[in-house]
Amino acid sequence: MTRLAKRRDTHLTREEIAAAALAEFDHGAEPSIRSLAAALRVTPSAIYHHFDSRAAIVEGAVELVWSEVVTEGSELVPDPLEEDPAEVLVGAAIATRRAWTRHNRLAPYMAATPASSDFLTRALAVFANTFERLGLEGEQAGAAFHTYASYMIGSVLFGTVRLAANHTLAAEGQAPRGPFRTEPRSGAAGLASESTRRSLDHVVEVSAVDPSRDEELFARGLRKLIASFTAS
């Protein structure tokens, strides 16, 4: 049994290091080996005992967020192998969106090509089962999954990057924006009705000012997308 580090009453674990990295991201910092060692009250060598690089630690933090996705997804869709397949896809997407919105500073790393893992293998198997229950197999299922994932991940990345950018601008003294578009000049005003223009104007910033409405629109669009997979 290794000795405890000074100022600690428990042994350091991989999960603790990953959680500390995630916490630093959440507070707007880019974690380093030294900052993590200081936060965890250990030496940098203790960090390297569990992870061979900062990149590996970031991957560990990403895994923690995906674990949150699984937990939240299980609450939305308790039995993905029995539930309506369309609702499985919607639930998975909403859970993904919520978890990565909470951890928006880390979200750019979700776009990295994932490493092989038991989690990824299991997730792909569940998605394959879901698409087959929609009546799609082989290349058809692959094409539908590509469309679904592009819609979901694209929405997540847009929303999280917007949050991070707004945080940065606010920290630099940029006042939060309200509706900032001007009424169109006479020529452009005749191109569409005022109600449609105002609706689009609201959607431009809905992810920042009305998260509930944003999620509602996301789910509505997703259901229409899924329905198109099996439309004749």
Protein backbone atom coordinates (compact mmCIF):
# COMPACT_ATOMS: atom_id res chain seq x y z
CA MET A 1 0.00 0.00 0.00
CA THR A 2 1.44 3.37 -1.02
CA ARG A 3 1.70 6.15 1.52
CA LEU A 4 -0.81 8.98 1.51
CA ALA A 5 0.41 12.30 0.20
CA LYS A 6 0.81 15.07 2.73
CA ARG A 7 -2.39 17.04 3.40
CA ARG A 8 -4.55 14.19 2.09
CA ASP A 9 -6.57 11.55 3.91
CA THR A 10 -7.42 9.41 0.85
CA HIS A 11 -5.44 7.92 -2.01
CA LEU A 12 -5.53 9.74 -5.33
CA THR A 13 -7.64 8.11 -8.08
CA ARG A 14 -8.02 8.58 -11.84
CA GLU A 15 -11.63 9.63 -11.36
CA GLU A 16 -10.63 12.31 -8.86
CA ILE A 17 -8.08 13.75 -11.28
CA ALA A 18 -10.56 13.77 -14.16
CA ALA A 19 -13.19 15.41 -11.93
CA ALA A 20 -10.73 18.10 -10.89
CA ALA A 21 -9.92 18.78 -14.55
CA LEU A 22 -13.61 19.02 -15.37
CA ALA A 23 -14.12 21.45 -12.49
CA GLU A 24 -11.32 23.68 -13.80
CA PHE A 25 -12.87 23.69 -17.28
CA ASP A 26 -16.24 24.58 -15.75
CA HIS A 27 -14.64 27.59 -14.05
CA GLY A 28 -13.16 28.78 -17.34
CA ALA A 29 -9.60 27.55 -16.84
CA GLU A 30 -7.48 25.23 -18.96
CA PRO A 31 -6.17 22.66 -16.47
CA SER A 32 -2.48 21.81 -16.38
CA ILE A 33 -0.62 19.08 -14.54
CA ARG A 34 0.65 21.64 -12.04
CA SER A 35 -2.75 23.25 -11.44
CA LEU A 36 -4.33 19.85 -10.90
CA ALA A 37 -1.56 18.78 -8.56
CA ALA A 38 -2.08 21.94 -6.50
CA ALA A 39 -5.86 21.49 -6.40
CA LEU A 40 -5.53 17.86 -5.36
CA ARG A 41 -2.70 18.51 -2.89
CA VAL A 42 -0.28 16.10 -4.52
CA THR A 43 2.93 16.35 -6.51
CA PRO A 44 2.86 16.39 -10.34
CA SER A 45 4.47 12.94 -10.30
CA ALA A 46 1.36 11.60 -8.52
CA ILE A 47 -0.75 12.83 -11.44
CA TYR A 48 1.59 11.16 -13.94
CA HIS A 49 1.22 7.90 -12.01
CA HIS A 50 -2.40 7.77 -13.28
CA PHE A 51 -2.21 9.67 -16.59
CA ASP A 52 0.76 9.94 -18.93
CA SER A 53 -0.28 13.31 -20.39
CA ARG A 54 -2.62 16.26 -20.08
CA ALA A 55 -4.43 15.01 -23.19
CA ALA A 56 -5.25 11.77 -21.41
CA ILE A 57 -6.66 13.75 -18.48
CA VAL A 58 -8.88 15.76 -20.82
CA GLU A 59 -10.13 12.48 -22.30
CA GLY A 60 -10.91 11.36 -18.75
CA ALA A 61 -12.93 14.53 -18.17
CA VAL A 62 -14.81 13.96 -21.43
CA GLU A 63 -15.66 10.43 -20.25
CA LEU A 64 -17.16 11.89 -17.07
CA VAL A 65 -19.51 14.07 -19.10
CA TRP A 66 -20.58 11.10 -21.21
CA SER A 67 -21.29 9.28 -17.95
CA GLU A 68 -23.61 12.15 -17.03
CA VAL A 69 -25.27 11.76 -20.43
CA VAL A 70 -25.92 8.07 -19.72
CA THR A 71 -27.35 8.86 -16.26
CA GLU A 72 -29.66 11.57 -17.58
CA GLY A 73 -30.58 9.50 -20.61
CA SER A 74 -31.57 6.60 -18.35
CA GLU A 75 -33.98 8.92 -16.54
CA LEU A 76 -35.53 10.10 -19.80
CA VAL A 77 -35.60 6.65 -21.43
CA PRO A 78 -35.33 3.93 -18.75
CA ASP A 79 -35.28 0.98 -21.19
CA PRO A 80 -33.82 1.97 -24.58
CA LEU A 81 -34.23 -1.55 -25.96
CA GLU A 82 -37.99 -1.53 -25.36
CA GLU A 83 -39.03 2.11 -25.69
CA ASP A 84 -40.31 3.65 -28.92
CA PRO A 85 -37.14 3.99 -31.06
CA ALA A 86 -37.89 7.58 -32.02
CA GLU A 87 -38.17 8.53 -28.35
CA VAL A 88 -34.89 6.72 -27.62
CA LEU A 89 -33.15 8.94 -30.17
CA VAL A 90 -34.82 12.08 -28.85
CA GLY A 91 -33.99 11.20 -25.24
CA ALA A 92 -30.36 10.47 -26.05
CA ALA A 93 -30.02 13.77 -27.89
CA ILE A 94 -31.64 15.82 -25.12
CA ALA A 95 -29.47 14.14 -22.47
CA THR A 96 -26.37 14.85 -24.56
CA ARG A 97 -27.36 18.46 -25.04
CA ARG A 98 -28.08 19.05 -21.35
CA ALA A 99 -24.86 17.49 -20.06
CA TRP A 100 -22.59 19.28 -22.51
CA THR A 101 -24.38 22.57 -21.94
CA ARG A 102 -23.52 22.23 -18.23
CA HIS A 103 -19.90 21.65 -19.19
CA ASN A 104 -19.74 23.97 -22.17
CA ARG A 105 -16.06 24.90 -21.73
CA LEU A 106 -15.07 21.28 -22.34
CA ALA A 107 -17.50 20.79 -25.22
CA PRO A 108 -15.01 21.45 -28.08
CA TYR A 109 -13.18 18.28 -27.02
CA MET A 110 -16.29 16.18 -27.60
CA ALA A 111 -15.67 16.66 -31.32
CA ALA A 112 -12.37 14.77 -31.16
CA THR A 113 -12.41 11.33 -32.78
CA PRO A 114 -13.38 8.97 -29.94
CA ALA A 115 -11.03 6.25 -28.78
CA SER A 116 -12.25 2.67 -28.79
CA SER A 117 -13.88 1.75 -25.50
CA ASP A 118 -16.50 -0.51 -23.99
CA PHE A 119 -18.74 2.54 -23.59
CA LEU A 120 -18.55 3.42 -27.30
CA THR A 121 -19.11 -0.19 -28.35
CA ARG A 122 -22.19 -0.43 -26.14
CA ALA A 123 -23.55 2.94 -27.30
CA LEU A 124 -23.19 2.04 -30.98
CA ALA A 125 -24.87 -1.32 -30.37
CA VAL A 126 -27.85 0.41 -28.75
CA PHE A 127 -28.08 2.91 -31.63
CA ALA A 128 -27.87 0.06 -34.16
CA ASN A 129 -30.72 -1.70 -32.35
CA THR A 130 -32.74 1.53 -32.35
CA PHE A 131 -32.33 2.16 -36.07
CA GLU A 132 -33.17 -1.45 -36.92
CA ARG A 133 -36.39 -1.10 -34.91
CA LEU A 134 -37.14 1.93 -37.09
CA GLY A 135 -36.83 -0.43 -40.07
CA LEU A 136 -33.38 0.71 -41.19
CA GLU A 137 -30.45 -1.66 -41.62
CA GLY A 138 -26.92 -1.60 -43.01
CA GLU A 139 -26.04 1.45 -45.09
CA GLN A 140 -29.50 2.94 -44.61
CA ALA A 141 -29.03 2.88 -40.86
CA GLY A 142 -25.53 4.34 -41.22
CA ALA A 143 -26.78 7.22 -43.35
CA ALA A 144 -29.61 7.94 -40.90
CA PHE A 145 -27.22 7.85 -37.94
CA HIS A 146 -24.90 10.29 -39.74
CA THR A 147 -27.78 12.72 -40.26
CA TYR A 148 -29.01 12.31 -36.68
CA ALA A 149 -25.54 12.72 -35.15
CA SER A 150 -24.77 15.75 -37.34
CA TYR A 151 -27.97 17.48 -36.22
CA MET A 152 -27.43 16.61 -32.56
CA ILE A 153 -23.69 17.26 -32.26
CA GLY A 154 -23.90 20.36 -34.44
CA SER A 155 -26.59 21.83 -32.20
CA VAL A 156 -24.64 20.96 -29.06
CA LEU A 157 -21.42 22.51 -30.34
CA PHE A 158 -23.17 25.67 -31.55
CA GLY A 159 -24.96 26.16 -28.23
CA THR A 160 -21.93 25.46 -26.07
CA VAL A 161 -19.55 27.57 -28.14
CA ARG A 162 -22.05 30.44 -27.92
CA LEU A 163 -22.15 30.12 -24.11
CA ALA A 164 -18.37 30.06 -23.86
CA ALA A 165 -18.04 33.03 -26.22
CA ASN A 166 -20.63 35.01 -24.26
CA HIS A 167 -18.78 34.25 -21.01
CA THR A 168 -15.53 35.48 -22.54
CA LEU A 169 -17.08 38.67 -23.88
CA ALA A 170 -18.78 39.37 -20.56
CA ALA A 171 -15.46 38.92 -18.75
CA GLU A 172 -13.93 41.47 -21.12
CA GLY A 173 -16.64 44.02 -20.34
CA GLN A 174 -18.95 43.42 -23.26
CA ALA A 175 -22.50 44.03 -22.05
CA PRO A 176 -24.97 41.17 -22.60
CA ARG A 177 -27.01 41.66 -25.75
CA GLY A 178 -30.74 41.87 -26.00
CA PRO A 179 -32.54 41.89 -29.37
CA PHE A 180 -30.00 43.67 -31.52
CA ARG A 181 -31.37 43.47 -35.07
CA THR A 182 -32.89 46.62 -36.54
CA GLU A 183 -36.14 46.85 -38.45
CA PRO A 184 -35.48 46.28 -42.16
CA ARG A 185 -35.55 49.16 -44.60
CA SER A 186 -38.65 49.51 -46.73
CA GLY A 187 -37.45 47.28 -49.55
CA ALA A 188 -36.43 44.38 -47.34
CA ALA A 189 -39.51 44.75 -45.13
CA GLY A 190 -41.69 43.69 -48.06
CA LEU A 191 -39.90 40.34 -48.43
CA ALA A 192 -41.71 38.67 -45.52
CA SER A 193 -44.32 39.32 -42.84
CA GLU A 194 -43.40 41.06 -39.62
CA SER A 195 -44.45 38.04 -37.51
CA THR A 196 -42.11 35.72 -39.43
CA ARG A 197 -39.24 38.19 -39.23
CA ARG A 198 -39.72 38.59 -35.47
CA SER A 199 -39.89 34.83 -34.97
CA LEU A 200 -36.59 34.34 -36.80
CA ASP A 201 -35.14 37.27 -34.87
CA HIS A 202 -36.00 35.50 -31.60
CA VAL A 203 -34.50 32.20 -32.75
CA VAL A 204 -31.16 33.91 -33.48
CA GLU A 205 -30.58 34.24 -29.74
CA VAL A 206 -33.00 31.72 -28.24
CA SER A 207 -30.27 29.39 -26.94
CA ALA A 208 -28.91 32.22 -24.78
CA VAL A 209 -32.12 33.88 -23.60
CA ASP A 210 -34.70 31.07 -23.46
CA PRO A 211 -33.09 27.63 -22.91
CA SER A 212 -36.43 25.85 -22.36
CA ARG A 213 -37.81 27.12 -25.66
CA ASP A 214 -34.51 26.27 -27.31
CA GLU A 215 -34.75 22.64 -26.13
CA GLU A 216 -38.39 22.47 -27.23
CA LEU A 217 -37.45 23.61 -30.75
CA PHE A 218 -34.50 21.21 -30.79
CA ALA A 219 -36.72 18.22 -29.88
CA ARG A 220 -39.42 19.24 -32.37
CA GLY A 221 -36.91 19.47 -35.20
CA LEU A 222 -35.35 16.19 -34.18
CA ARG A 223 -38.69 14.35 -34.25
CA LYS A 224 -39.35 15.67 -37.75
CA LEU A 225 -35.89 14.57 -38.82
CA ILE A 226 -36.39 11.07 -37.40
CA ALA A 227 -39.79 10.80 -39.08
CA SER A 228 -38.14 11.59 -42.40
CA PHE A 229 -35.93 8.51 -42.08
CA THR A 230 -38.87 6.20 -42.63
CA ALA A 231 -41.04 8.43 -44.85
CA SER A 232 -41.97 6.74 -48.11
